C-alpha atoms as a PDB file:
ATOM      1  CA  MET A   1    -214.915-112.992  -9.797  1.00  0.00           C
ATOM      2  CA  ALA A   2    -213.516-109.762 -11.839  1.00  0.00           C
ATOM      3  CA  ASP A   3    -216.304-108.240 -13.089  1.00  0.00           C
ATOM      4  CA  ARG A   4    -216.654-107.119 -17.040  1.00  0.00           C
ATOM      5  CA  ASN A   5    -214.302-104.023 -16.859  1.00  0.00           C
ATOM      6  CA  GLY A   6    -211.751-106.030 -14.353  1.00  0.00           C
ATOM      7  CA  THR A   7    -212.645-105.138 -10.717  1.00  0.00           C
ATOM      8  CA  ALA A   8    -212.250-107.426  -8.008  1.00  0.00           C
ATOM      9  CA  THR A   9    -213.241-107.502  -4.473  1.00  0.00           C
ATOM     10  CA  LEU A  10    -211.518-107.824  -0.798  1.00  0.00           C
ATOM     11  CA  GLY A  11    -213.227-107.712   2.274  1.00  0.00           C
ATOM     12  CA  CYS A  12    -213.588-110.127   5.768  1.00  0.00           C
ATOM     13  CA  ASN A  13    -215.530-112.891   6.941  1.00  0.00           C
ATOM     14  CA  ALA A  14    -215.344-114.873  10.121  1.00  0.00           C
ATOM     15  CA  GLY A  15    -211.383-114.482  10.377  1.00  0.00           C
ATOM     16  CA  TYR A  16    -210.850-114.576   6.948  1.00  0.00           C
ATOM     17  CA  THR A  17    -209.657-112.089   4.040  1.00  0.00           C
ATOM     18  CA  VAL A  18    -211.794-112.738   1.170  1.00  0.00           C
ATOM     19  CA  PHE A  19    -210.482-111.714  -2.423  1.00  0.00           C
ATOM     20  CA  SER A  20    -212.646-112.056  -5.336  1.00  0.00           C
ATOM     21  CA  GLY A  21    -211.571-112.103  -8.743  1.00  0.00           C
ATOM     22  CA  GLY A  22    -209.668-113.482 -12.061  1.00  0.00           C
ATOM     23  CA  GLY A  23    -212.503-116.027 -11.975  1.00  0.00           C
ATOM     24  CA  ALA A  24    -212.513-117.364  -8.192  1.00  0.00           C
ATOM     25  CA  THR A  25    -212.504-116.483  -4.484  1.00  0.00           C
ATOM     26  CA  ILE A  26    -209.848-117.133  -2.701  1.00  0.00           C
ATOM     27  CA  ARG A  27    -209.850-117.135   1.323  1.00  0.00           C
ATOM     28  CA  PHE A  28    -206.737-116.602   3.562  1.00  0.00           C
ATOM     29  CA  ARG A  29    -206.550-116.214   7.629  1.00  0.00           C
ATOM     30  CA  ALA A  30    -206.943-112.512   8.382  1.00  0.00           C
ATOM     31  CA  PRO A  31    -205.375-110.862  11.688  1.00  0.00           C
ATOM     32  CA  TYR A  32    -207.659-111.767  15.051  1.00  0.00           C
ATOM     33  CA  SER A  33    -208.426-108.462  15.634  1.00  0.00           C
ATOM     34  CA  LEU A  34    -209.413-107.038  11.919  1.00  0.00           C
ATOM     35  CA  LYS A  35    -212.788-105.751  11.529  1.00  0.00           C
ATOM     36  CA  ARG A  36    -212.782-104.429   8.349  1.00  0.00           C
ATOM     37  CA  TYR A  37    -211.019-103.009   5.212  1.00  0.00           C
ATOM     38  CA  ILE A  38    -211.945 -99.222   4.733  1.00  0.00           C
ATOM     39  CA  ARG A  39    -210.166 -98.745   1.304  1.00  0.00           C
ATOM     40  CA  VAL A  40    -207.643 -99.662  -1.279  1.00  0.00           C
ATOM     41  CA  LYS A  41    -205.017 -97.543  -1.592  1.00  0.00           C
ATOM     42  CA  GLU A  42    -202.783 -99.261  -4.138  1.00  0.00           C
ATOM     43  CA  TRP A  43    -203.219-102.318  -6.537  1.00  0.00           C
ATOM     44  CA  ASP A  44    -200.013-103.378  -8.181  1.00  0.00           C
ATOM     45  CA  GLU A  45    -200.172-106.797  -9.838  1.00  0.00           C
ATOM     46  CA  GLY A  46    -201.444-108.911  -6.979  1.00  0.00           C
ATOM     47  CA  TYR A  47    -199.767-106.259  -4.496  1.00  0.00           C
ATOM     48  CA  LEU A  48    -202.525-104.536  -2.425  1.00  0.00           C
ATOM     49  CA  VAL A  49    -201.853-101.583  -0.098  1.00  0.00           C
ATOM     50  CA  VAL A  50    -205.242-100.905   2.160  1.00  0.00           C
ATOM     51  CA  ASP A  51    -206.353 -99.275   5.234  1.00  0.00           C
ATOM     52  CA  ALA A  52    -207.678-101.536   7.695  1.00  0.00           C
ATOM     53  CA  GLU A  53    -209.600-100.998  10.902  1.00  0.00           C
ATOM     54  CA  TYR A  54    -208.574-103.341  13.897  1.00  0.00           C
ATOM     55  CA  ALA A  55    -210.535-103.756  17.295  1.00  0.00           C
ATOM     56  CA  HIS A  56    -207.227-102.567  19.097  1.00  0.00           C
ATOM     57  CA  SER A  57    -206.685 -99.397  17.058  1.00  0.00           C
ATOM     58  CA  PRO A  58    -208.735 -96.290  17.134  1.00  0.00           C
ATOM     59  CA  ALA A  59    -207.169 -95.314  13.887  1.00  0.00           C
ATOM     60  CA  PRO A  60    -206.956 -97.015  10.549  1.00  0.00           C
ATOM     61  CA  VAL A  61    -204.161 -99.052   9.758  1.00  0.00           C
ATOM     62  CA  GLU A  62    -201.881 -99.440   6.519  1.00  0.00           C
ATOM     63  CA  GLU A  63    -201.786-103.016   5.807  1.00  0.00           C
ATOM     64  CA  TYR A  64    -199.758-104.913   3.011  1.00  0.00           C
ATOM     65  CA  ILE A  65    -201.052-107.728   0.797  1.00  0.00           C
ATOM     66  CA  ASP A  66    -199.008-109.587  -1.458  1.00  0.00           C
ATOM     67  CA  LEU A  67    -201.315-112.338  -3.248  1.00  0.00           C
ATOM     68  CA  VAL A  68    -198.545-114.147  -5.153  1.00  0.00           C
ATOM     69  CA  PRO A  69    -197.437-115.953  -2.769  1.00  0.00           C
ATOM     70  CA  ILE A  70    -200.738-116.987  -1.357  1.00  0.00           C
ATOM     71  CA  LEU A  71    -201.668-117.806  -4.701  1.00  0.00           C
ATOM     72  CA  GLU A  72    -198.801-120.120  -5.242  1.00  0.00           C
ATOM     73  CA  ASP A  73    -199.339-121.754  -2.101  1.00  0.00           C
ATOM     74  CA  LEU A  74    -202.610-122.660  -3.300  1.00  0.00           C
ATOM     75  CA  TYR A  75    -201.191-123.998  -6.578  1.00  0.00           C
ATOM     76  CA  MET A  76    -202.795-121.572  -8.517  1.00  0.00           C
ATOM     77  CA  ASP A  77    -201.110-119.622 -11.497  1.00  0.00           C
ATOM     78  CA  PRO A  78    -200.709-116.170 -10.232  1.00  0.00           C
ATOM     79  CA  ALA A  79    -200.118-114.394 -13.931  1.00  0.00           C
ATOM     80  CA  GLY A  80    -203.282-116.120 -15.017  1.00  0.00           C
ATOM     81  CA  TYR A  81    -205.166-115.516 -11.792  1.00  0.00           C
ATOM     82  CA  LEU A  82    -204.425-111.444 -11.959  1.00  0.00           C
ATOM     83  CA  GLU A  83    -204.436-111.051 -15.272  1.00  0.00           C
ATOM     84  CA  ASP A  84    -207.578-109.528 -15.953  1.00  0.00           C
ATOM     85  CA  ILE A  85    -207.814-107.543 -12.943  1.00  0.00           C
ATOM     86  CA  ARG A  86    -207.427-103.829 -13.060  1.00  0.00           C
ATOM     87  CA  GLU A  87    -208.607-102.470  -9.626  1.00  0.00           C
ATOM     88  CA  VAL A  88    -209.604-103.922  -6.576  1.00  0.00           C
ATOM     89  CA  GLU A  89    -212.421-102.509  -4.448  1.00  0.00           C
ATOM     90  CA  VAL A  90    -213.541-103.166  -0.784  1.00  0.00           C
ATOM     91  CA  ALA A  91    -216.444-105.576  -0.424  1.00  0.00           C
ATOM     92  CA  HIS A  92    -219.066-104.255   1.682  1.00  0.00           C
ATOM     93  CA  ALA A  93    -221.480-106.750   3.675  1.00  0.00           C
END
């Protein structure tokens, strides 16, 4: 859930990417070798550019996540879900 200042979180758990913000938490399948998200480089109304750590790569890998089609597949209104989110941080377990 986005906090009072509009911050959401991105993380991974048990093979899933977990995004919490906009009043709900969504989970979707992550790449099989994803170990963790390192940092969020860019947030643009549902589009994320992140650095991720993978089991097969010694260096961070830049990844792109578009939440809009994921939200649509979940029958959620992307505009309503994303409207209060101003930034996204990596969730630390």
